[in-house]
Amino acid sequence: MVKTEGIVLRTVRYGETSVIVQVFTAQFGIQSYLVNGVRSSRSRSARANILQPANMLEMVVYYSAQKKLQRISEFKLAFIYQDLYSNVVKNAIALYIVELLHKSLSEPEPNPELYFFSARSLQWLDQRPVVELSNLPLCFTLKAAGLLGFELDGKYSEHTPYFDLKEGEFVPEKSNDFTLGKEETRYTSQLLKIKDFGLLPVLKIPAKTRAYLLSAYLIFLKLHLPGFRELRSPKILKDILH
């Protein structure tokens, strides 16, 4: 039995009273857990609500490297959101973060840097006003790509004013259909330089450009991450982020 933190990525019903919950854990990476009896009575419905996607948990788990389906002994909320579930914009961004993690993590390998970055992103999302959140999906996608092992190479400069998604580097000229234009590359460079989420609202990116960049960054992941599948949540973000 081991203590670990985790972010709920997905929950599906299993039988009459149980669920299988997929969790991105700090200690073991992505794991699937069988949780019995959480839907058996009204008194236990609160336990099922704890297992909603994006919730951060403190858990005591049974761990065996040979098993694909693990078991949880104890779990509780590690962080209580204030309005992430009730606010449409915040909820949409949270679901994007969760879906991106779910589609990116296929093997149960520890990635504590990505875990704690994701947890910090969700906490910041919950605590900040909506007007400051527009650039968070872009920043999260770029930083997550780097922490997954696909960090962008080279440096943006007047001599390398384009970004080649296929090669993953800043380049001197636009050589293929996977190369960003100068304006989009400049915004990408500025996003990469941001170390503090509090600086995200300072970067003013037009809504159409944000939508284009998010699509481009997901293409970058698709080009470099085997098995990466298309996400549904960006369509929702495009409709609600202005």
Protein backbone atom coordinates (compact mmCIF):
# COMPACT_ATOMS: atom_id res chain seq x y z
CA MET A 1 0.00 0.00 0.00
CA VAL A 2 1.34 3.38 -1.08
CA LYS A 3 0.26 6.99 -0.59
CA THR A 4 0.17 9.14 -3.72
CA GLU A 5 -1.59 12.14 -5.20
CA GLY A 6 -3.51 11.98 -8.44
CA ILE A 7 -5.65 13.86 -10.97
CA VAL A 8 -8.80 12.10 -12.14
CA LEU A 9 -8.85 11.83 -15.93
CA ARG A 10 -11.82 9.57 -16.59
CA THR A 11 -14.44 7.57 -14.71
CA VAL A 12 -16.62 4.81 -16.19
CA ARG A 13 -19.27 2.66 -14.54
CA TYR A 14 -18.43 -0.93 -13.75
CA GLY A 15 -21.28 -3.20 -12.74
CA GLU A 16 -24.10 -1.94 -10.56
CA THR A 17 -22.17 -0.16 -7.82
CA SER A 18 -18.54 0.24 -8.90
CA VAL A 19 -16.45 2.40 -11.22
CA ILE A 20 -13.12 2.19 -12.99
CA VAL A 21 -11.30 5.48 -12.59
CA GLN A 22 -8.27 6.50 -14.62
CA VAL A 23 -5.89 8.67 -12.60
CA PHE A 24 -2.69 10.50 -13.46
CA THR A 25 -0.69 9.85 -10.30
CA ALA A 26 2.38 11.68 -9.06
CA GLN A 27 4.20 8.45 -8.21
CA PHE A 28 3.20 5.91 -10.88
CA GLY A 29 2.01 7.96 -13.87
CA ILE A 30 -1.31 6.99 -15.41
CA GLN A 31 -3.12 4.17 -13.60
CA SER A 32 -6.57 2.54 -13.70
CA TYR A 33 -8.29 1.74 -10.40
CA LEU A 34 -11.32 -0.35 -9.57
CA VAL A 35 -13.37 1.38 -6.87
CA ASN A 36 -16.14 -0.76 -5.39
CA GLY A 37 -19.40 0.36 -3.85
CA VAL A 38 -19.29 4.09 -4.64
CA ARG A 39 -22.72 4.04 -6.35
CA SER A 40 -24.51 1.69 -3.98
CA SER A 41 -26.54 4.18 -1.94
CA ARG A 42 -27.41 7.85 -1.58
CA SER A 43 -25.15 8.12 1.41
CA ARG A 44 -22.20 7.20 -0.79
CA SER A 45 -23.01 9.46 -3.75
CA ALA A 46 -20.58 12.05 -2.41
CA ARG A 47 -17.76 9.52 -2.80
CA ALA A 48 -18.66 9.08 -6.46
CA ASN A 49 -18.63 12.88 -6.94
CA ILE A 50 -15.06 12.98 -5.65
CA LEU A 51 -14.08 10.89 -8.69
CA GLN A 52 -15.14 13.52 -11.25
CA PRO A 53 -12.58 14.34 -13.98
CA ALA A 54 -10.10 17.10 -12.97
CA ASN A 55 -10.45 16.45 -9.24
CA MET A 56 -7.15 16.15 -7.39
CA LEU A 57 -6.99 13.32 -4.88
CA GLU A 58 -4.95 12.09 -1.98
CA MET A 59 -5.00 8.30 -2.19
CA VAL A 60 -3.81 5.17 -0.48
CA VAL A 61 -3.51 2.54 -3.20
CA TYR A 62 -2.52 -1.06 -3.65
CA TYR A 63 0.20 -1.13 -6.28
CA SER A 64 1.50 -4.02 -8.33
CA ALA A 65 3.64 -3.39 -11.43
CA GLN A 66 2.25 -6.60 -12.98
CA LYS A 67 -1.39 -5.49 -12.82
CA LYS A 68 -3.18 -3.24 -15.30
CA LEU A 69 -6.11 -2.67 -12.93
CA GLN A 70 -5.16 -1.50 -9.44
CA ARG A 71 -7.26 -0.92 -6.31
CA ILE A 72 -7.74 2.09 -4.06
CA SER A 73 -7.93 1.63 -0.30
CA GLU A 74 -8.67 5.27 0.60
CA PHE A 75 -9.21 8.51 -1.28
CA LYS A 76 -10.18 12.11 -0.51
CA LEU A 77 -9.93 15.50 -2.18
CA ALA A 78 -6.45 17.02 -2.09
CA PHE A 79 -7.78 20.38 -3.29
CA ILE A 80 -11.32 21.77 -3.18
CA TYR A 81 -12.28 23.85 -6.20
CA GLN A 82 -14.25 27.04 -5.61
CA ASP A 83 -16.05 27.46 -8.94
CA LEU A 84 -14.24 25.32 -11.50
CA TYR A 85 -17.29 23.08 -12.01
CA SER A 86 -19.89 25.84 -11.93
CA ASN A 87 -18.10 28.30 -14.23
CA VAL A 88 -18.56 27.40 -17.91
CA VAL A 89 -15.23 28.83 -19.09
CA LYS A 90 -13.15 27.34 -16.27
CA ASN A 91 -14.85 23.97 -16.64
CA ALA A 92 -14.17 23.89 -20.39
CA ILE A 93 -10.47 24.67 -19.88
CA ALA A 94 -10.20 22.05 -17.12
CA LEU A 95 -11.76 19.42 -19.36
CA TYR A 96 -9.31 20.38 -22.11
CA ILE A 97 -6.37 19.88 -19.74
CA VAL A 98 -7.77 16.53 -18.60
CA GLU A 99 -8.47 15.35 -22.16
CA LEU A 100 -5.00 16.36 -23.32
CA LEU A 101 -3.43 14.36 -20.48
CA HIS A 102 -5.70 11.40 -21.15
CA LYS A 103 -4.80 11.32 -24.87
CA SER A 104 -1.07 11.91 -24.24
CA LEU A 105 -0.38 9.40 -21.47
CA SER A 106 -0.54 5.83 -22.69
CA GLU A 107 2.06 4.03 -20.56
CA PRO A 108 2.17 3.92 -16.73
CA GLU A 109 5.47 5.75 -16.42
CA PRO A 110 6.11 8.31 -13.66
CA ASN A 111 6.30 11.93 -14.81
CA PRO A 112 6.23 13.97 -11.58
CA GLU A 113 7.17 17.22 -13.35
CA LEU A 114 4.17 16.96 -15.66
CA TYR A 115 1.94 15.92 -12.76
CA PHE A 116 2.80 18.88 -10.54
CA PHE A 117 2.67 21.30 -13.49
CA SER A 118 -0.83 19.99 -14.32
CA ALA A 119 -1.96 20.27 -10.69
CA ARG A 120 -0.63 23.82 -10.47
CA SER A 121 -2.39 24.72 -13.73
CA LEU A 122 -5.77 23.46 -12.45
CA GLN A 123 -5.38 25.29 -9.14
CA TRP A 124 -4.46 28.55 -10.89
CA LEU A 125 -7.40 28.08 -13.28
CA ASP A 126 -9.80 27.77 -10.35
CA GLN A 127 -8.45 30.78 -8.47
CA ARG A 128 -8.16 33.41 -11.23
CA PRO A 129 -10.89 35.53 -12.89
CA VAL A 130 -12.10 34.40 -16.31
CA VAL A 131 -10.60 37.42 -18.11
CA GLU A 132 -7.10 36.12 -17.29
CA LEU A 133 -7.56 32.60 -18.62
CA SER A 134 -7.64 32.83 -22.42
CA ASN A 135 -3.99 31.93 -22.96
CA LEU A 136 -3.83 29.09 -20.44
CA PRO A 137 -4.72 26.29 -22.93
CA LEU A 138 -1.91 27.45 -25.24
CA CYS A 139 0.65 27.71 -22.46
CA PHE A 140 -0.37 24.38 -20.96
CA THR A 141 -0.12 22.58 -24.31
CA LEU A 142 3.37 23.92 -25.07
CA LYS A 143 4.72 23.23 -21.58
CA ALA A 144 3.11 19.78 -21.45
CA ALA A 145 4.67 18.90 -24.82
CA GLY A 146 8.09 19.75 -23.42
CA LEU A 147 7.51 17.70 -20.27
CA LEU A 148 6.39 14.78 -22.42
CA GLY A 149 9.80 14.91 -24.10
CA PHE A 150 9.00 17.04 -27.14
CA GLU A 151 10.52 20.37 -26.22
CA LEU A 152 10.84 22.92 -29.02
CA ASP A 153 14.40 23.28 -30.28
CA GLY A 154 16.37 26.37 -31.18
CA LYS A 155 15.65 30.02 -30.46
CA TYR A 156 13.32 32.52 -32.02
CA SER A 157 15.17 35.43 -33.62
CA GLU A 158 15.09 37.70 -36.66
CA HIS A 159 17.14 35.00 -38.39
CA THR A 160 14.76 32.18 -37.38
CA PRO A 161 11.31 33.82 -37.48
CA TYR A 162 9.32 30.67 -38.33
CA PHE A 163 8.48 27.55 -36.36
CA ASP A 164 8.47 24.20 -38.14
CA LEU A 165 5.97 21.88 -36.40
CA LYS A 166 7.29 18.82 -38.19
CA GLU A 167 10.93 19.37 -37.25
CA GLY A 168 10.09 20.88 -33.86
CA GLU A 169 12.41 23.87 -34.24
CA PHE A 170 12.64 27.54 -35.18
CA VAL A 171 13.81 27.90 -38.79
CA PRO A 172 14.97 30.71 -41.13
CA GLU A 173 12.29 30.20 -43.78
CA LYS A 174 8.86 28.71 -44.30
CA SER A 175 9.64 25.41 -45.99
CA ASN A 176 6.47 23.27 -45.66
CA ASP A 177 2.78 23.26 -44.77
CA PHE A 178 3.63 22.54 -41.12
CA THR A 179 5.48 25.82 -40.62
CA LEU A 180 3.88 28.62 -38.60
CA GLY A 181 3.86 32.18 -39.95
CA LYS A 182 5.90 34.97 -38.42
CA GLU A 183 3.14 36.33 -36.19
CA GLU A 184 2.17 32.89 -34.86
CA THR A 185 5.85 32.04 -34.28
CA ARG A 186 6.38 35.28 -32.36
CA TYR A 187 3.44 34.48 -30.07
CA THR A 188 4.78 30.94 -29.61
CA SER A 189 8.16 32.33 -28.55
CA GLN A 190 6.48 34.66 -26.05
CA LEU A 191 4.41 31.82 -24.57
CA LEU A 192 7.52 29.68 -24.15
CA LYS A 193 9.21 32.42 -22.15
CA ILE A 194 6.41 32.65 -19.59
CA LYS A 195 7.45 31.10 -16.27
CA ASP A 196 4.69 32.59 -14.13
CA PHE A 197 1.02 32.04 -15.01
CA GLY A 198 0.33 35.52 -13.69
CA LEU A 199 1.98 36.93 -16.82
CA LEU A 200 -0.37 35.15 -19.21
CA PRO A 201 -2.99 37.96 -19.31
CA VAL A 202 -0.28 40.44 -20.39
CA LEU A 203 0.07 38.60 -23.71
CA LYS A 204 -2.73 39.83 -25.97
CA ILE A 205 -3.42 37.24 -28.66
CA PRO A 206 -6.48 37.70 -30.96
CA ALA A 207 -9.13 34.99 -30.55
CA LYS A 208 -8.75 33.69 -34.12
CA THR A 209 -4.99 33.44 -33.69
CA ARG A 210 -5.42 31.59 -30.38
CA ALA A 211 -7.69 29.05 -32.04
CA TYR A 212 -5.22 28.59 -34.90
CA LEU A 213 -2.28 28.19 -32.51
CA LEU A 214 -4.08 25.64 -30.34
CA SER A 215 -4.84 23.58 -33.44
CA ALA A 216 -1.20 23.90 -34.55
CA TYR A 217 0.19 22.81 -31.18
CA LEU A 218 -2.06 19.74 -31.24
CA ILE A 219 -0.78 18.95 -34.73
CA PHE A 220 2.74 19.20 -33.29
CA LEU A 221 1.83 16.58 -30.67
CA LYS A 222 0.17 14.38 -33.27
CA LEU A 223 3.32 14.51 -35.42
CA HIS A 224 5.61 13.54 -32.57
CA LEU A 225 3.55 11.46 -30.13
CA PRO A 226 2.61 7.99 -31.45
CA GLY A 227 -1.07 7.17 -31.04
CA PHE A 228 -2.10 10.73 -30.14
CA ARG A 229 -5.76 11.13 -31.09
CA GLU A 230 -7.90 14.14 -31.94
CA LEU A 231 -9.42 16.04 -29.01
CA ARG A 232 -13.05 17.12 -28.77
CA SER A 233 -12.66 19.94 -26.25
CA PRO A 234 -10.89 22.53 -28.51
CA LYS A 235 -14.16 23.07 -30.40
CA ILE A 236 -15.80 24.08 -27.14
CA LEU A 237 -12.91 26.39 -26.22
CA LYS A 238 -13.18 28.12 -29.60
CA ASP A 239 -16.84 28.92 -28.91
CA ILE A 240 -16.41 30.28 -25.37
CA LEU A 241 -13.00 32.01 -25.33
CA HIS A 242 -13.04 35.51 -26.79
